[in-house]
C-alpha cells in the first residue's frame, strides 16, 4: 500500500481558535494567543504531527447513479455520486 509522507502542515493560532469555537472577531486575551503560539511551536519542534496518507487503487467493475463496485467485492454507496461523477447520469 503506497504511503505519502512529508505533507506540509502549518497550523496558525487563528485556526486553533476557530476549531475551539472562537469566531473571527472574538476577543481572546493576549496571554491565550501567546500560549497557543508557544504550544504550536512545541508541536512543530517535537514532530508531534506528521501527516501521512495511505491509499490503494482499485479497478471499477460496475457503476450506477448511487453505487460504484470495485474489484475485490468492494462497494462505495453515496447518493451524491452522480453529481460528483457526471458520467453516471
PDB file of N, CA and C in Angstrom:
ATOM      1  N   UNK A   1       0.853  -1.173   0.000  1.00  0.00           N
ATOM      2  CA  UNK A   1       0.000   0.000   0.000  1.00  0.00           C
ATOM      3  C   UNK A   1       0.900   1.236   0.000  1.00  0.00           C
ATOM      4  N   UNK A   2       0.756   2.104  -1.000  1.00  0.00           N
ATOM      5  CA  UNK A   2       1.566   3.317  -1.046  1.00  0.00           C
ATOM      6  C   UNK A   2       1.223   4.262   0.109  1.00  0.00           C
ATOM      7  N   UNK A   3       2.230   4.959   0.581  1.00  0.00           N
ATOM      8  CA  UNK A   3       2.047   5.936   1.654  1.00  0.00           C
ATOM      9  C   UNK A   3       2.715   7.234   1.235  1.00  0.00           C
ATOM     10  N   UNK A   4       1.989   8.326   1.341  1.00  0.00           N
ATOM     11  CA  UNK A   4       2.542   9.651   1.074  1.00  0.00           C
ATOM     12  C   UNK A   4       2.876  10.280   2.413  1.00  0.00           C
ATOM     13  N   UNK A   5       4.118  10.698   2.560  1.00  0.00           N
ATOM     14  CA  UNK A   5       4.568  11.352   3.797  1.00  0.00           C
ATOM     15  C   UNK A   5       5.078  12.748   3.465  1.00  0.00           C
ATOM     16  N   UNK A   6       5.637  13.401   4.435  1.00  0.00           N
ATOM     17  CA  UNK A   6       6.179  14.754   4.243  1.00  0.00           C
ATOM     18  C   UNK A   6       5.124  15.709   3.698  1.00  0.00           C
ATOM     19  N   UNK A   7       3.933  15.616   4.234  1.00  0.00           N
ATOM     20  CA  UNK A   7       2.857  16.528   3.865  1.00  0.00           C
ATOM     21  C   UNK A   7       3.027  17.786   4.709  1.00  0.00           C
ATOM     22  N   UNK A   8       3.214  18.931   4.057  1.00  0.00           N
ATOM     23  CA  UNK A   8       3.431  20.153   4.833  1.00  0.00           C
ATOM     24  C   UNK A   8       2.194  20.512   5.668  1.00  0.00           C
ATOM     25  N   UNK A   9       2.442  20.893   6.890  1.00  0.00           N
ATOM     26  CA  UNK A   9       1.362  21.265   7.799  1.00  0.00           C
ATOM     27  C   UNK A   9       1.827  22.449   8.626  1.00  0.00           C
ATOM     28  N   UNK A  10       1.090  23.523   8.544  1.00  0.00           N
ATOM     29  CA  UNK A  10       1.426  24.675   9.376  1.00  0.00           C
ATOM     30  C   UNK A  10       0.135  25.214   9.983  1.00  0.00           C
ATOM     31  N   UNK A  11      -0.041  24.942  11.248  1.00  0.00           N
ATOM     32  CA  UNK A  11      -1.224  25.419  11.957  1.00  0.00           C
ATOM     33  C   UNK A  11      -1.000  26.845  12.424  1.00  0.00           C
ATOM     34  N   UNK A  12      -2.051  27.620  12.348  1.00  0.00           N
ATOM     35  CA  UNK A  12      -1.994  29.016  12.785  1.00  0.00           C
ATOM     36  C   UNK A  12      -2.861  29.182  14.033  1.00  0.00           C
ATOM     37  N   UNK A  13      -2.520  30.169  14.820  1.00  0.00           N
ATOM     38  CA  UNK A  13      -3.268  30.461  16.040  1.00  0.00           C
ATOM     39  C   UNK A  13      -4.750  30.662  15.724  1.00  0.00           C
ATOM     40  N   UNK A  14      -5.036  31.393  14.650  1.00  0.00           N
ATOM     41  CA  UNK A  14      -6.438  31.659  14.289  1.00  0.00           C
ATOM     42  C   UNK A  14      -7.186  30.368  13.970  1.00  0.00           C
ATOM     43  N   UNK A  15      -6.502  29.392  13.372  1.00  0.00           N
ATOM     44  CA  UNK A  15      -7.141  28.116  13.055  1.00  0.00           C
ATOM     45  C   UNK A  15      -7.445  27.320  14.325  1.00  0.00           C
ATOM     46  N   UNK A  16      -6.536  27.362  15.276  1.00  0.00           N
ATOM     47  CA  UNK A  16      -6.764  26.677  16.554  1.00  0.00           C
ATOM     48  C   UNK A  16      -7.945  27.327  17.278  1.00  0.00           C
ATOM     49  N   UNK A  17      -7.974  28.637  17.292  1.00  0.00           N
ATOM     50  CA  UNK A  17      -9.074  29.347  17.953  1.00  0.00           C
ATOM     51  C   UNK A  17     -10.406  29.046  17.266  1.00  0.00           C
ATOM     52  N   UNK A  18     -10.413  29.041  15.931  1.00  0.00           N
ATOM     53  CA  UNK A  18     -11.645  28.749  15.199  1.00  0.00           C
ATOM     54  C   UNK A  18     -12.135  27.344  15.532  1.00  0.00           C
ATOM     55  N   UNK A  19     -11.220  26.382  15.606  1.00  0.00           N
ATOM     56  CA  UNK A  19     -11.583  24.992  15.932  1.00  0.00           C
ATOM     57  C   UNK A  19     -12.172  24.896  17.342  1.00  0.00           C
ATOM     58  N   UNK A  20     -11.744  25.780  18.209  1.00  0.00           N
ATOM     59  CA  UNK A  20     -12.248  25.787  19.580  1.00  0.00           C
ATOM     60  C   UNK A  20     -13.517  26.623  19.728  1.00  0.00           C
ATOM     61  N   UNK A  21     -14.039  27.133  18.608  1.00  0.00           N
ATOM     62  CA  UNK A  21     -15.313  27.832  18.637  1.00  0.00           C
ATOM     63  C   UNK A  21     -15.229  29.343  18.697  1.00  0.00           C
ATOM     64  N   UNK A  22     -14.038  29.892  18.588  1.00  0.00           N
ATOM     65  CA  UNK A  22     -13.896  31.341  18.598  1.00  0.00           C
ATOM     66  C   UNK A  22     -14.057  31.869  17.182  1.00  0.00           C
ATOM     67  N   UNK A  23     -14.946  32.825  17.013  1.00  0.00           N
ATOM     68  CA  UNK A  23     -15.169  33.411  15.695  1.00  0.00           C
ATOM     69  C   UNK A  23     -14.042  34.340  15.299  1.00  0.00           C
ATOM     70  N   UNK A  24     -14.148  34.832  14.092  1.00  0.00           N
ATOM     71  CA  UNK A  24     -13.096  35.689  13.542  1.00  0.00           C
ATOM     72  C   UNK A  24     -12.868  36.945  14.386  1.00  0.00           C
ATOM     73  N   UNK A  25     -13.924  37.501  14.909  1.00  0.00           N
ATOM     74  CA  UNK A  25     -13.798  38.757  15.647  1.00  0.00           C
ATOM     75  C   UNK A  25     -13.944  38.578  17.160  1.00  0.00           C
ATOM     76  N   UNK A  26     -13.794  37.356  17.625  1.00  0.00           N
ATOM     77  CA  UNK A  26     -13.877  37.105  19.063  1.00  0.00           C
ATOM     78  C   UNK A  26     -12.698  37.753  19.774  1.00  0.00           C
ATOM     79  N   UNK A  27     -12.967  38.185  20.984  1.00  0.00           N
ATOM     80  CA  UNK A  27     -11.892  38.766  21.791  1.00  0.00           C
ATOM     81  C   UNK A  27     -11.235  37.653  22.594  1.00  0.00           C
ATOM     82  N   UNK A  28      -9.953  37.466  22.362  1.00  0.00           N
ATOM     83  CA  UNK A  28      -9.181  36.450  23.068  1.00  0.00           C
ATOM     84  C   UNK A  28      -8.035  37.168  23.764  1.00  0.00           C
ATOM     85  N   UNK A  29      -7.846  36.842  25.025  1.00  0.00           N
ATOM     86  CA  UNK A  29      -6.784  37.501  25.789  1.00  0.00           C
ATOM     87  C   UNK A  29      -5.425  37.231  25.146  1.00  0.00           C
ATOM     88  N   UNK A  30      -4.540  38.219  25.139  1.00  0.00           N
ATOM     89  CA  UNK A  30      -3.215  38.072  24.530  1.00  0.00           C
ATOM     90  C   UNK A  30      -2.420  36.904  25.110  1.00  0.00           C
ATOM     91  N   UNK A  31      -2.580  36.638  26.410  1.00  0.00           N
ATOM     92  CA  UNK A  31      -1.822  35.529  27.003  1.00  0.00           C
ATOM     93  C   UNK A  31      -2.289  34.171  26.464  1.00  0.00           C
ATOM     94  N   UNK A  32      -3.564  34.073  26.085  1.00  0.00           N
ATOM     95  CA  UNK A  32      -4.075  32.835  25.483  1.00  0.00           C
ATOM     96  C   UNK A  32      -3.474  32.664  24.089  1.00  0.00           C
ATOM     97  N   UNK A  33      -3.474  33.743  23.312  1.00  0.00           N
ATOM     98  CA  UNK A  33      -2.864  33.681  21.980  1.00  0.00           C
ATOM     99  C   UNK A  33      -1.388  33.322  22.077  1.00  0.00           C
ATOM    100  N   UNK A  34      -0.711  33.892  23.039  1.00  0.00           N
ATOM    101  CA  UNK A  34       0.710  33.610  23.242  1.00  0.00           C
ATOM    102  C   UNK A  34       0.930  32.144  23.607  1.00  0.00           C
ATOM    103  N   UNK A  35       0.081  31.614  24.459  1.00  0.00           N
ATOM    104  CA  UNK A  35       0.182  30.212  24.860  1.00  0.00           C
ATOM    105  C   UNK A  35      -0.032  29.278  23.662  1.00  0.00           C
ATOM    106  N   UNK A  36      -1.009  29.600  22.833  1.00  0.00           N
ATOM    107  CA  UNK A  36      -1.258  28.782  21.640  1.00  0.00           C
ATOM    108  C   UNK A  36      -0.045  28.816  20.717  1.00  0.00           C
ATOM    109  N   UNK A  37       0.529  29.980  20.506  1.00  0.00           N
ATOM    110  CA  UNK A  37       1.722  30.108  19.667  1.00  0.00           C
ATOM    111  C   UNK A  37       2.861  29.269  20.216  1.00  0.00           C
ATOM    112  N   UNK A  38       3.049  29.310  21.517  1.00  0.00           N
ATOM    113  CA  UNK A  38       4.100  28.521  22.174  1.00  0.00           C
ATOM    114  C   UNK A  38       3.844  27.017  22.010  1.00  0.00           C
ATOM    115  N   UNK A  39       2.606  26.602  22.196  1.00  0.00           N
ATOM    116  CA  UNK A  39       2.264  25.182  22.045  1.00  0.00           C
ATOM    117  C   UNK A  39       2.457  24.704  20.605  1.00  0.00           C
ATOM    118  N   UNK A  40       2.064  25.523  19.644  1.00  0.00           N
ATOM    119  CA  UNK A  40       2.249  25.155  18.238  1.00  0.00           C
ATOM    120  C   UNK A  40       3.729  25.022  17.887  1.00  0.00           C
ATOM    121  N   UNK A  41       4.552  25.896  18.439  1.00  0.00           N
ATOM    122  CA  UNK A  41       5.996  25.799  18.209  1.00  0.00           C
ATOM    123  C   UNK A  41       6.542  24.504  18.803  1.00  0.00           C
ATOM    124  N   UNK A  42       6.063  24.128  19.982  1.00  0.00           N
ATOM    125  CA  UNK A  42       6.493  22.883  20.621  1.00  0.00           C
ATOM    126  C   UNK A  42       6.081  21.659  19.818  1.00  0.00           C
ATOM    127  N   UNK A  43       4.883  21.692  19.257  1.00  0.00           N
ATOM    128  CA  UNK A  43       4.391  20.588  18.425  1.00  0.00           C
ATOM    129  C   UNK A  43       5.278  20.433  17.197  1.00  0.00           C
ATOM    130  N   UNK A  44       5.618  21.561  16.582  1.00  0.00           N
ATOM    131  CA  UNK A  44       6.462  21.520  15.382  1.00  0.00           C
ATOM    132  C   UNK A  44       7.866  21.030  15.712  1.00  0.00           C
ATOM    133  N   UNK A  45       8.431  21.536  16.798  1.00  0.00           N
ATOM    134  CA  UNK A  45       9.804  21.179  17.184  1.00  0.00           C
ATOM    135  C   UNK A  45       9.915  19.700  17.554  1.00  0.00           C
ATOM    136  N   UNK A  46       8.907  19.149  18.204  1.00  0.00           N
ATOM    137  CA  UNK A  46       8.943  17.757  18.666  1.00  0.00           C
ATOM    138  C   UNK A  46       8.385  16.776  17.623  1.00  0.00           C
ATOM    139  N   UNK A  47       8.016  17.290  16.433  1.00  0.00           N
ATOM    140  CA  UNK A  47       7.461  16.438  15.371  1.00  0.00           C
ATOM    141  C   UNK A  47       6.259  15.623  15.868  1.00  0.00           C
ATOM    142  N   UNK A  48       5.369  16.274  16.608  1.00  0.00           N
ATOM    143  CA  UNK A  48       4.204  15.575  17.153  1.00  0.00           C
ATOM    144  C   UNK A  48       3.111  15.343  16.115  1.00  0.00           C
ATOM    145  N   UNK A  49       3.107  16.148  15.068  1.00  0.00           N
ATOM    146  CA  UNK A  49       2.138  15.963  13.987  1.00  0.00           C
ATOM    147  C   UNK A  49       2.898  15.676  12.703  1.00  0.00           C
ATOM    148  N   UNK A  50       2.783  14.457  12.223  1.00  0.00           N
ATOM    149  CA  UNK A  50       3.421  14.068  10.971  1.00  0.00           C
ATOM    150  C   UNK A  50       2.363  13.439  10.073  1.00  0.00           C
ATOM    151  N   UNK A  51       1.631  14.273   9.329  1.00  0.00           N
ATOM    152  CA  UNK A  51       0.553  13.750   8.498  1.00  0.00           C
ATOM    153  C   UNK A  51       1.069  12.778   7.440  1.00  0.00           C
ATOM    154  N   UNK A  52       0.268  11.776   7.148  1.00  0.00           N
ATOM    155  CA  UNK A  52       0.573  10.803   6.104  1.00  0.00           C
ATOM    156  C   UNK A  52      -0.746  10.266   5.556  1.00  0.00           C
ATOM    157  N   UNK A  53      -0.711   9.804   4.321  1.00  0.00           N
ATOM    158  CA  UNK A  53      -1.891   9.235   3.683  1.00  0.00           C
ATOM    159  C   UNK A  53      -1.513   7.891   3.078  1.00  0.00           C
ATOM    160  N   UNK A  54      -2.262   6.854   3.436  1.00  0.00           N
ATOM    161  CA  UNK A  54      -2.091   5.536   2.827  1.00  0.00           C
ATOM    162  C   UNK A  54      -3.285   5.309   1.903  1.00  0.00           C
ATOM    163  N   UNK A  55      -3.010   4.770   0.731  1.00  0.00           N
ATOM    164  CA  UNK A  55      -4.099   4.570  -0.218  1.00  0.00           C
ATOM    165  C   UNK A  55      -3.873   3.309  -1.044  1.00  0.00           C
ATOM    166  N   UNK A  56      -4.934   2.877  -1.685  1.00  0.00           N
ATOM    167  CA  UNK A  56      -4.876   1.718  -2.578  1.00  0.00           C
ATOM    168  C   UNK A  56      -5.708   2.058  -3.811  1.00  0.00           C
ATOM    169  N   UNK A  57      -5.310   1.563  -4.951  1.00  0.00           N
ATOM    170  CA  UNK A  57      -6.029   1.807  -6.197  1.00  0.00           C
ATOM    171  C   UNK A  57      -6.766   0.530  -6.585  1.00  0.00           C
ATOM    172  N   UNK A  58      -8.064   0.671  -6.878  1.00  0.00           N
ATOM    173  CA  UNK A  58      -8.902  -0.456  -7.274  1.00  0.00           C
ATOM    174  C   UNK A  58      -9.523  -0.170  -8.636  1.00  0.00           C
ATOM    175  N   UNK A  59      -9.699  -1.192  -9.422  1.00  0.00           N
ATOM    176  CA  UNK A  59     -10.400  -1.062 -10.703  1.00  0.00           C
ATOM    177  C   UNK A  59     -11.901  -1.031 -10.449  1.00  0.00           C
ATOM    178  N   UNK A  60     -12.598  -0.214 -11.240  1.00  0.00           N
ATOM    179  CA  UNK A  60     -14.054  -0.141 -11.155  1.00  0.00           C
ATOM    180  C   UNK A  60     -14.629  -1.269 -11.999  1.00  0.00           C
ATOM    181  N   UNK A  61     -15.548  -2.030 -11.405  1.00  0.00           N
ATOM    182  CA  UNK A  61     -16.170  -3.138 -12.135  1.00  0.00           C
ATOM    183  C   UNK A  61     -17.583  -2.801 -12.602  1.00  0.00           C
ATOM    184  N   UNK A  62     -18.242  -1.868 -11.902  1.00  0.00           N
ATOM    185  CA  UNK A  62     -19.613  -1.503 -12.266  1.00  0.00           C
ATOM    186  C   UNK A  62     -19.956  -0.168 -11.621  1.00  0.00           C
ATOM    187  N   UNK A  63     -20.795   0.625 -12.323  1.00  0.00           N
ATOM    188  CA  UNK A  63     -21.206   1.916 -11.776  1.00  0.00           C
ATOM    189  C   UNK A  63     -22.699   2.117 -12.000  1.00  0.00           C
ATOM    190  N   UNK A  64     -23.345   2.739 -11.025  1.00  0.00           N
ATOM    191  CA  UNK A  64     -24.736   3.167 -11.176  1.00  0.00           C
ATOM    192  C   UNK A  64     -24.844   4.567 -10.590  1.00  0.00           C
ATOM    193  N   UNK A  65     -26.047   5.129 -10.554  1.00  0.00           N
ATOM    194  CA  UNK A  65     -26.199   6.512 -10.090  1.00  0.00           C
ATOM    195  C   UNK A  65     -25.847   6.705  -8.615  1.00  0.00           C
ATOM    196  N   UNK A  66     -25.877   5.648  -7.798  1.00  0.00           N
ATOM    197  CA  UNK A  66     -25.579   5.821  -6.371  1.00  0.00           C
ATOM    198  C   UNK A  66     -24.589   4.795  -5.834  1.00  0.00           C
ATOM    199  N   UNK A  67     -23.954   4.042  -6.741  1.00  0.00           N
ATOM    200  CA  UNK A  67     -23.065   2.981  -6.270  1.00  0.00           C
ATOM    201  C   UNK A  67     -21.935   2.743  -7.273  1.00  0.00           C
ATOM    202  N   UNK A  68     -20.735   2.525  -6.754  1.00  0.00           N
ATOM    203  CA  UNK A  68     -19.588   2.134  -7.569  1.00  0.00           C
ATOM    204  C   UNK A  68     -19.065   0.826  -6.996  1.00  0.00           C
ATOM    205  N   UNK A  69     -19.018  -0.199  -7.834  1.00  0.00           N
ATOM    206  CA  UNK A  69     -18.479  -1.501  -7.415  1.00  0.00           C
ATOM    207  C   UNK A  69     -17.023  -1.576  -7.850  1.00  0.00           C
ATOM    208  N   UNK A  70     -16.180  -2.057  -6.945  1.00  0.00           N
ATOM    209  CA  UNK A  70     -14.750  -2.153  -7.205  1.00  0.00           C
ATOM    210  C   UNK A  70     -14.310  -3.604  -7.173  1.00  0.00           C
ATOM    211  N   UNK A  71     -13.117  -3.863  -7.728  1.00  0.00           N
ATOM    212  CA  UNK A  71     -12.583  -5.224  -7.668  1.00  0.00           C
ATOM    213  C   UNK A  71     -12.453  -5.643  -6.207  1.00  0.00           C
ATOM    214  N   UNK A  72     -12.523  -6.933  -5.972  1.00  0.00           N
ATOM    215  CA  UNK A  72     -12.439  -7.441  -4.607  1.00  0.00           C
ATOM    216  C   UNK A  72     -13.752  -7.353  -3.862  1.00  0.00           C
ATOM    217  N   UNK A  73     -14.870  -7.219  -4.592  1.00  0.00           N
ATOM    218  CA  UNK A  73     -16.209  -7.138  -3.985  1.00  0.00           C
ATOM    219  C   UNK A  73     -16.370  -5.957  -3.040  1.00  0.00           C
ATOM    220  N   UNK A  74     -15.698  -4.858  -3.337  1.00  0.00           N
ATOM    221  CA  UNK A  74     -15.858  -3.633  -2.553  1.00  0.00           C
ATOM    222  C   UNK A  74     -16.892  -2.748  -3.234  1.00  0.00           C
ATOM    223  N   UNK A  75     -17.709  -2.069  -2.422  1.00  0.00           N
ATOM    224  CA  UNK A  75     -18.769  -1.224  -2.964  1.00  0.00           C
ATOM    225  C   UNK A  75     -18.758   0.116  -2.247  1.00  0.00           C
ATOM    226  N   UNK A  76     -18.812   1.195  -3.030  1.00  0.00           N
ATOM    227  CA  UNK A  76     -18.974   2.542  -2.484  1.00  0.00           C
ATOM    228  C   UNK A  76     -20.397   2.976  -2.778  1.00  0.00           C
ATOM    229  N   UNK A  77     -21.134   3.365  -1.741  1.00  0.00           N
ATOM    230  CA  UNK A  77     -22.504   3.824  -1.920  1.00  0.00           C
ATOM    231  C   UNK A  77     -22.598   5.264  -1.459  1.00  0.00           C
ATOM    232  N   UNK A  78     -23.157   6.104  -2.321  1.00  0.00           N
ATOM    233  CA  UNK A  78     -23.284   7.519  -1.982  1.00  0.00           C
ATOM    234  C   UNK A  78     -24.339   8.135  -2.887  1.00  0.00           C
ATOM    235  N   UNK A  79     -25.298   8.800  -2.297  1.00  0.00           N
ATOM    236  CA  UNK A  79     -26.353   9.427  -3.090  1.00  0.00           C
ATOM    237  C   UNK A  79     -25.821  10.603  -3.911  1.00  0.00           C
ATOM    238  N   UNK A  80     -24.631  11.101  -3.585  1.00  0.00           N
ATOM    239  CA  UNK A  80     -24.045  12.231  -4.311  1.00  0.00           C
ATOM    240  C   UNK A  80     -23.139  11.802  -5.459  1.00  0.00           C
ATOM    241  N   UNK A  81     -22.963  10.499  -5.662  1.00  0.00           N
ATOM    242  CA  UNK A  81     -22.042  10.032  -6.701  1.00  0.00           C
ATOM    243  C   UNK A  81     -22.358  10.608  -8.070  1.00  0.00           C
ATOM    244  N   UNK A  82     -23.625  10.673  -8.440  1.00  0.00           N
ATOM    245  CA  UNK A  82     -23.968  11.162  -9.774  1.00  0.00           C
ATOM    246  C   UNK A  82     -23.610  12.635  -9.952  1.00  0.00           C
ATOM    247  N   UNK A  83     -23.606  13.411  -8.878  1.00  0.00           N
ATOM    248  CA  UNK A  83     -23.193  14.812  -9.004  1.00  0.00           C
ATOM    249  C   UNK A  83     -21.669  14.936  -9.002  1.00  0.00           C
ATOM    250  N   UNK A  84     -20.988  14.000  -8.344  1.00  0.00           N
ATOM    251  CA  UNK A  84     -19.526  14.013  -8.330  1.00  0.00           C
ATOM    252  C   UNK A  84     -18.938  13.427  -9.610  1.00  0.00           C
ATOM    253  N   UNK A  85     -19.628  12.434 -10.169  1.00  0.00           N
ATOM    254  CA  UNK A  85     -19.176  11.763 -11.389  1.00  0.00           C
ATOM    255  C   UNK A  85     -20.288  11.868 -12.435  1.00  0.00           C
ATOM    256  N   UNK A  86     -20.307  12.952 -13.210  1.00  0.00           N
ATOM    257  CA  UNK A  86     -21.415  13.196 -14.141  1.00  0.00           C
ATOM    258  C   UNK A  86     -21.645  12.066 -15.149  1.00  0.00           C
ATOM    259  N   UNK A  87     -20.624  11.267 -15.455  1.00  0.00           N
ATOM    260  CA  UNK A  87     -20.798  10.187 -16.424  1.00  0.00           C
ATOM    261  C   UNK A  87     -21.728   9.087 -15.905  1.00  0.00           C
ATOM    262  N   UNK A  88     -22.088   9.118 -14.615  1.00  0.00           N
ATOM    263  CA  UNK A  88     -23.001   8.118 -14.052  1.00  0.00           C
ATOM    264  C   UNK A  88     -24.468   8.431 -14.341  1.00  0.00           C
ATOM    265  N   UNK A  89     -24.756   9.623 -14.801  1.00  0.00           N
ATOM    266  CA  UNK A  89     -26.157  10.030 -15.026  1.00  0.00           C
ATOM    267  C   UNK A  89     -26.779   9.290 -16.178  1.00  0.00           C
TER     268      UNK A  89
END
